[in-house]
Amino acid sequence: MLAEEPVLVGVDGSEQSVAALAWAVAEAALRRAEVHAVVINDHPSRDSAVEQVVEEIAERFRGPDTAIGVKIARGRPAAELIRRSARAQLVVLGARGRGAAAGMLLGSVSTKVATHARCPVVVMHEHRERAGPVLVGVDDSPHGQRVLRFAFDVAAARRAELAVMQVWEAPGAEFSVVLAPPEELAEARAAAERSLGHQLAGWREKYPDVVVRRHTPRGHPVAALSDMAHEAQLLVVGHRNRRGPLAALLLGSVASGVLHRARCPVAVLCADAQ
């Protein structure tokens, strides 16, 4: 029996959206869910041509146990996909690309959808079969436990190892070019290791078959996660939307950073999602 909520895929006919559909079909099979291929088309006179293009793409992935429905929608791509994410269990998008199907440029909407959707979003750069670990970045925030649950679920379903990373830096390092004393570096590393151990408490018992590797590198989270993502089959991160007069001054989040730098699929879970 199929799950009630579908896996939603934004399709525009580009190679990256095809890669997103391929990844979504494999993931939907693990979740026993239907795939909805959604294309935004604001020109009703082109509906038939658009539907034909997307149906031809979908037909490449259909099988006896693979249900793919094609949906044509109107409106602004990011807003429409965010709206539909409230009724999906997962949204999958290509990182960029415009195809012949419609005027939906996925690269202009993938980051916005990933950081505002009501369900987890996976953004694809390319589709390659990988046997590496599932990599998850944590930061001891309240949202971190939900991010960990998603990562453990994915690793268990794929029978993959789970690499859990918490990146650290010496206090005040962002304001000084002077190397911190060794004792401060040692304490910062130890604090990160204690924090990671606290966050993982209880998860081994819930997922006894998942092999967990802990990583506490020093550096910037975006760089450290992106570097390790070269060997991963999926990178999972959380995102907290900041509001208020200072929000526009922020240089960007870890989620938006790895969406641009990591080469493997990236899953983003917004803190204010359902």
Protein backbone atom coordinates (compact mmCIF):
# COMPACT_ATOMS: atom_id res chain seq x y z
CA MET A 1 0.00 0.00 0.00
CA LEU A 2 1.36 3.41 -0.98
CA ALA A 3 1.88 6.16 1.59
CA GLU A 4 -0.70 8.95 1.46
CA GLU A 5 1.80 11.79 1.06
CA PRO A 6 3.81 11.77 -2.20
CA VAL A 7 7.40 12.53 -3.03
CA LEU A 8 7.20 15.79 -5.01
CA VAL A 9 9.66 16.52 -7.83
CA GLY A 10 10.08 19.80 -9.69
CA VAL A 11 10.59 19.00 -13.38
CA ASP A 12 11.48 21.40 -16.20
CA GLY A 13 12.95 19.04 -18.77
CA SER A 14 16.57 19.86 -17.90
CA GLU A 15 19.14 17.14 -17.21
CA GLN A 16 19.31 18.11 -13.55
CA SER A 17 15.57 17.84 -13.13
CA VAL A 18 15.75 14.40 -14.77
CA ALA A 19 18.45 13.48 -12.24
CA ALA A 20 16.15 14.72 -9.49
CA LEU A 21 13.33 12.53 -10.79
CA ALA A 22 15.63 9.49 -10.95
CA TRP A 23 16.73 10.03 -7.34
CA ALA A 24 13.14 10.65 -6.22
CA VAL A 25 11.90 7.43 -7.81
CA ALA A 26 14.51 5.39 -5.94
CA GLU A 27 13.73 7.16 -2.67
CA ALA A 28 9.97 6.78 -3.16
CA ALA A 29 10.43 3.04 -3.57
CA LEU A 30 12.05 2.90 -0.13
CA ARG A 31 9.22 4.99 1.31
CA ARG A 32 6.48 3.14 -0.62
CA ALA A 33 5.22 6.48 -1.88
CA GLU A 34 3.89 7.83 -5.17
CA VAL A 35 5.96 10.36 -7.12
CA HIS A 36 4.35 13.57 -8.32
CA ALA A 37 6.30 15.28 -11.10
CA VAL A 38 5.28 18.96 -10.99
CA VAL A 39 5.95 21.47 -13.74
CA ILE A 40 5.00 25.14 -13.55
CA ASN A 41 3.44 26.48 -16.76
CA ASP A 42 1.68 29.83 -16.89
CA HIS A 43 0.78 29.50 -20.58
CA PRO A 44 -2.32 27.27 -20.82
CA SER A 45 -1.94 27.05 -24.60
CA ARG A 46 1.27 25.07 -23.99
CA ASP A 47 -0.22 22.61 -21.49
CA SER A 48 -0.46 19.74 -23.98
CA ALA A 49 3.12 20.17 -25.21
CA VAL A 50 4.45 20.55 -21.67
CA GLU A 51 2.58 17.49 -20.44
CA GLN A 52 3.89 15.43 -23.35
CA VAL A 53 7.51 16.36 -22.59
CA VAL A 54 7.16 15.54 -18.88
CA GLU A 55 5.22 12.32 -19.58
CA GLU A 56 8.03 11.15 -21.86
CA ILE A 57 10.53 11.81 -19.10
CA ALA A 58 8.36 10.08 -16.49
CA GLU A 59 7.89 7.04 -18.73
CA ARG A 60 11.62 6.37 -18.54
CA PHE A 61 11.28 5.65 -14.82
CA ARG A 62 7.86 4.03 -14.56
CA GLY A 63 7.65 0.36 -13.66
CA PRO A 64 5.28 -2.18 -12.10
CA ASP A 65 6.00 -0.78 -8.62
CA THR A 66 6.67 2.85 -9.59
CA ALA A 67 3.72 5.25 -9.69
CA ILE A 68 4.52 8.64 -11.23
CA GLY A 69 1.83 11.26 -11.68
CA VAL A 70 2.40 14.38 -13.79
CA LYS A 71 0.99 17.63 -12.40
CA ILE A 72 0.85 20.97 -14.25
CA ALA A 73 0.63 24.00 -11.96
CA ARG A 74 0.40 27.78 -12.31
CA GLY A 75 2.12 30.56 -10.43
CA ARG A 76 5.58 31.45 -9.22
CA PRO A 77 7.68 28.27 -9.08
CA ALA A 78 9.17 28.74 -5.60
CA ALA A 79 5.90 29.84 -4.01
CA GLU A 80 3.93 27.03 -5.66
CA LEU A 81 6.39 24.32 -4.67
CA ILE A 82 6.55 25.64 -1.10
CA ARG A 83 2.74 25.61 -0.96
CA ARG A 84 2.58 22.04 -2.25
CA SER A 85 5.31 20.93 0.17
CA ALA A 86 2.74 21.10 2.99
CA ARG A 87 1.08 18.03 1.46
CA ALA A 88 4.25 16.09 0.60
CA GLN A 89 6.67 14.01 2.63
CA LEU A 90 9.66 15.10 0.56
CA VAL A 91 10.45 17.58 -2.24
CA VAL A 92 13.26 16.85 -4.72
CA LEU A 93 14.73 19.52 -7.03
CA GLY A 94 17.61 19.97 -9.43
CA ALA A 95 20.17 22.55 -8.39
CA ARG A 96 19.87 24.43 -11.67
CA GLY A 97 18.71 24.12 -15.25
CA ARG A 98 16.02 25.18 -17.64
CA GLY A 99 14.54 22.75 -20.11
CA ALA A 100 11.99 22.70 -22.88
CA ALA A 101 9.05 21.76 -20.68
CA ALA A 102 8.26 25.21 -19.29
CA GLY A 103 9.74 28.42 -18.01
CA MET A 104 10.62 27.11 -14.56
CA LEU A 105 14.30 27.78 -13.93
CA LEU A 106 15.06 25.38 -11.08
CA GLY A 107 18.34 27.00 -10.13
CA SER A 108 16.53 30.22 -9.21
CA VAL A 109 14.11 28.47 -6.86
CA SER A 110 15.89 25.46 -5.34
CA THR A 111 17.56 27.36 -2.48
CA LYS A 112 14.38 29.29 -1.67
CA VAL A 113 12.28 26.13 -1.61
CA ALA A 114 14.88 24.22 0.42
CA THR A 115 15.01 26.91 3.11
CA HIS A 116 11.25 27.59 3.33
CA ALA A 117 9.46 24.32 2.54
CA ARG A 118 7.08 22.63 4.95
CA CYS A 119 8.78 19.24 4.51
CA PRO A 120 12.36 18.07 3.92
CA VAL A 121 13.84 19.10 0.54
CA VAL A 122 16.58 17.31 -1.40
CA VAL A 123 18.53 19.33 -3.97
CA MET A 124 20.43 17.43 -6.68
CA HIS A 125 23.56 18.56 -8.50
CA GLU A 126 23.94 15.31 -10.37
CA HIS A 127 22.69 11.74 -10.07
CA ARG A 128 25.43 9.21 -9.41
CA GLU A 129 25.12 5.88 -7.67
CA ARG A 130 27.14 6.16 -4.48
CA ALA A 131 27.80 3.62 -1.77
CA GLY A 132 29.22 6.14 0.70
CA PRO A 133 27.79 7.16 4.05
CA VAL A 134 24.90 9.43 4.84
CA LEU A 135 26.50 12.58 6.29
CA VAL A 136 24.66 14.83 8.74
CA GLY A 137 25.78 18.12 10.24
CA VAL A 138 24.63 18.97 13.79
CA ASP A 139 25.08 22.01 16.01
CA ASP A 140 23.40 21.22 19.34
CA SER A 141 20.30 23.24 18.43
CA PRO A 142 16.80 22.06 19.48
CA HIS A 143 16.08 21.34 15.81
CA GLY A 144 19.06 18.98 15.69
CA GLN A 145 17.17 15.97 17.00
CA ARG A 146 14.70 16.14 14.11
CA VAL A 147 17.59 16.41 11.67
CA LEU A 148 19.23 13.38 13.28
CA ARG A 149 16.01 11.36 13.08
CA PHE A 150 15.74 12.06 9.35
CA ALA A 151 19.39 11.10 8.81
CA PHE A 152 19.04 7.88 10.84
CA ASP A 153 15.87 6.96 8.91
CA VAL A 154 17.63 7.45 5.57
CA ALA A 155 20.74 5.53 6.65
CA ALA A 156 18.65 2.65 7.99
CA ALA A 157 16.53 2.42 4.83
CA ARG A 158 19.66 2.47 2.63
CA ARG A 159 21.70 0.21 4.94
CA ALA A 160 24.38 2.85 4.94
CA GLU A 161 26.79 4.13 7.56
CA LEU A 162 25.92 7.43 9.20
CA ALA A 163 28.66 10.03 9.57
CA VAL A 164 27.70 12.67 12.17
CA MET A 165 29.73 15.88 12.13
CA GLN A 166 29.93 18.77 14.56
CA VAL A 167 32.39 21.47 13.49
CA TRP A 168 34.10 23.60 16.12
CA GLU A 169 36.36 26.63 16.37
CA ALA A 170 38.21 28.20 19.28
CA PRO A 171 36.24 30.97 21.06
CA GLY A 172 36.89 34.35 19.48
CA ALA A 173 38.70 32.91 16.46
CA GLU A 174 36.50 34.86 14.06
CA PHE A 175 37.78 38.13 15.54
CA SER A 176 41.50 37.36 15.72
CA VAL A 177 44.31 36.20 13.43
CA VAL A 178 46.35 35.03 16.43
CA LEU A 179 46.33 31.28 16.97
CA ALA A 180 44.54 30.32 20.18
CA PRO A 181 46.59 28.72 22.97
CA PRO A 182 46.77 24.89 22.81
CA GLU A 183 44.73 24.52 26.00
CA GLU A 184 41.87 26.57 24.50
CA LEU A 185 41.92 24.49 21.32
CA ALA A 186 41.92 21.27 23.35
CA GLU A 187 38.97 22.47 25.44
CA ALA A 188 37.02 23.57 22.36
CA ARG A 189 37.54 20.16 20.75
CA ALA A 190 36.57 18.36 23.95
CA ALA A 191 33.43 20.50 24.24
CA ALA A 192 32.44 19.59 20.68
CA GLU A 193 32.99 15.90 21.39
CA ARG A 194 30.91 16.10 24.57
CA SER A 195 28.16 17.94 22.72
CA LEU A 196 28.11 15.36 19.94
CA GLY A 197 27.95 12.52 22.43
CA HIS A 198 25.03 14.19 24.20
CA GLN A 199 23.14 14.69 20.94
CA LEU A 200 23.61 11.04 19.94
CA ALA A 201 22.43 9.68 23.29
CA GLY A 202 19.70 7.10 22.74
CA TRP A 203 19.93 6.92 18.96
CA ARG A 204 22.11 3.77 18.94
CA GLU A 205 19.35 1.91 20.82
CA LYS A 206 16.68 3.10 18.36
CA TYR A 207 18.75 2.20 15.29
CA PRO A 208 21.00 -0.70 16.36
CA ASP A 209 21.82 -1.70 12.77
CA VAL A 210 23.16 1.72 11.74
CA VAL A 211 26.93 2.09 12.08
CA VAL A 212 27.70 5.62 13.34
CA ARG A 213 30.97 7.47 12.78
CA ARG A 214 31.62 10.66 14.75
CA HIS A 215 33.57 13.60 13.33
CA THR A 216 34.51 16.81 15.15
CA PRO A 217 36.79 18.77 12.81
CA ARG A 218 37.94 22.29 13.43
CA GLY A 219 36.98 24.87 10.81
CA HIS A 220 33.97 26.35 9.07
CA PRO A 221 30.85 24.14 8.83
CA VAL A 222 30.23 24.82 5.13
CA ALA A 223 33.80 23.95 4.11
CA ALA A 224 34.07 20.89 6.38
CA LEU A 225 30.72 19.43 5.37
CA SER A 226 31.24 20.13 1.67
CA ASP A 227 34.68 18.50 1.71
CA MET A 228 33.42 15.34 3.37
CA ALA A 229 30.33 15.28 1.14
CA HIS A 230 32.52 14.21 -1.79
CA GLU A 231 32.38 10.68 -0.36
CA ALA A 232 28.74 10.81 0.82
CA GLN A 233 25.58 9.61 -0.88
CA LEU A 234 23.53 12.29 0.92
CA LEU A 235 24.28 15.30 3.12
CA VAL A 236 21.63 16.27 5.68
CA VAL A 237 21.51 19.70 7.35
CA GLY A 238 19.00 21.78 9.26
CA HIS A 239 18.01 25.37 8.62
CA ARG A 240 16.58 28.05 10.89
CA ASN A 241 14.99 31.01 9.15
CA ARG A 242 16.04 34.24 10.81
CA ARG A 243 13.62 37.14 10.95
CA GLY A 244 13.92 40.72 12.07
CA PRO A 245 15.83 43.86 11.06
CA LEU A 246 19.25 42.16 11.19
CA ALA A 247 18.31 39.18 9.02
CA ALA A 248 19.32 40.90 5.79
CA LEU A 249 22.82 41.55 7.18
CA LEU A 250 23.64 37.87 7.68
CA LEU A 251 26.16 36.41 5.26
CA GLY A 252 24.18 33.22 4.72
CA SER A 253 23.41 29.98 6.47
CA VAL A 254 25.17 26.63 6.48
CA ALA A 255 22.25 25.22 4.49
CA SER A 256 22.55 27.73 1.65
CA GLY A 257 26.33 27.36 1.70
CA VAL A 258 26.39 23.59 1.26
CA LEU A 259 23.62 23.78 -1.34
CA HIS A 260 26.07 25.70 -3.52
CA ARG A 261 29.27 23.82 -2.64
CA ALA A 262 28.46 20.17 -1.91
CA ARG A 263 28.51 17.84 -4.91
CA CYS A 264 26.28 15.13 -3.45
CA PRO A 265 22.50 15.44 -2.96
CA VAL A 266 21.72 17.77 -0.04
CA ALA A 267 18.70 17.34 2.23
CA VAL A 268 17.54 20.45 4.12
CA LEU A 269 15.08 20.38 7.03
CA CYS A 270 13.63 23.75 8.05
CA ALA A 271 13.10 24.27 11.76
CA ASP A 272 9.63 25.75 11.23
CA ALA A 273 8.44 22.95 8.93
CA GLN A 274 5.70 20.56 9.97
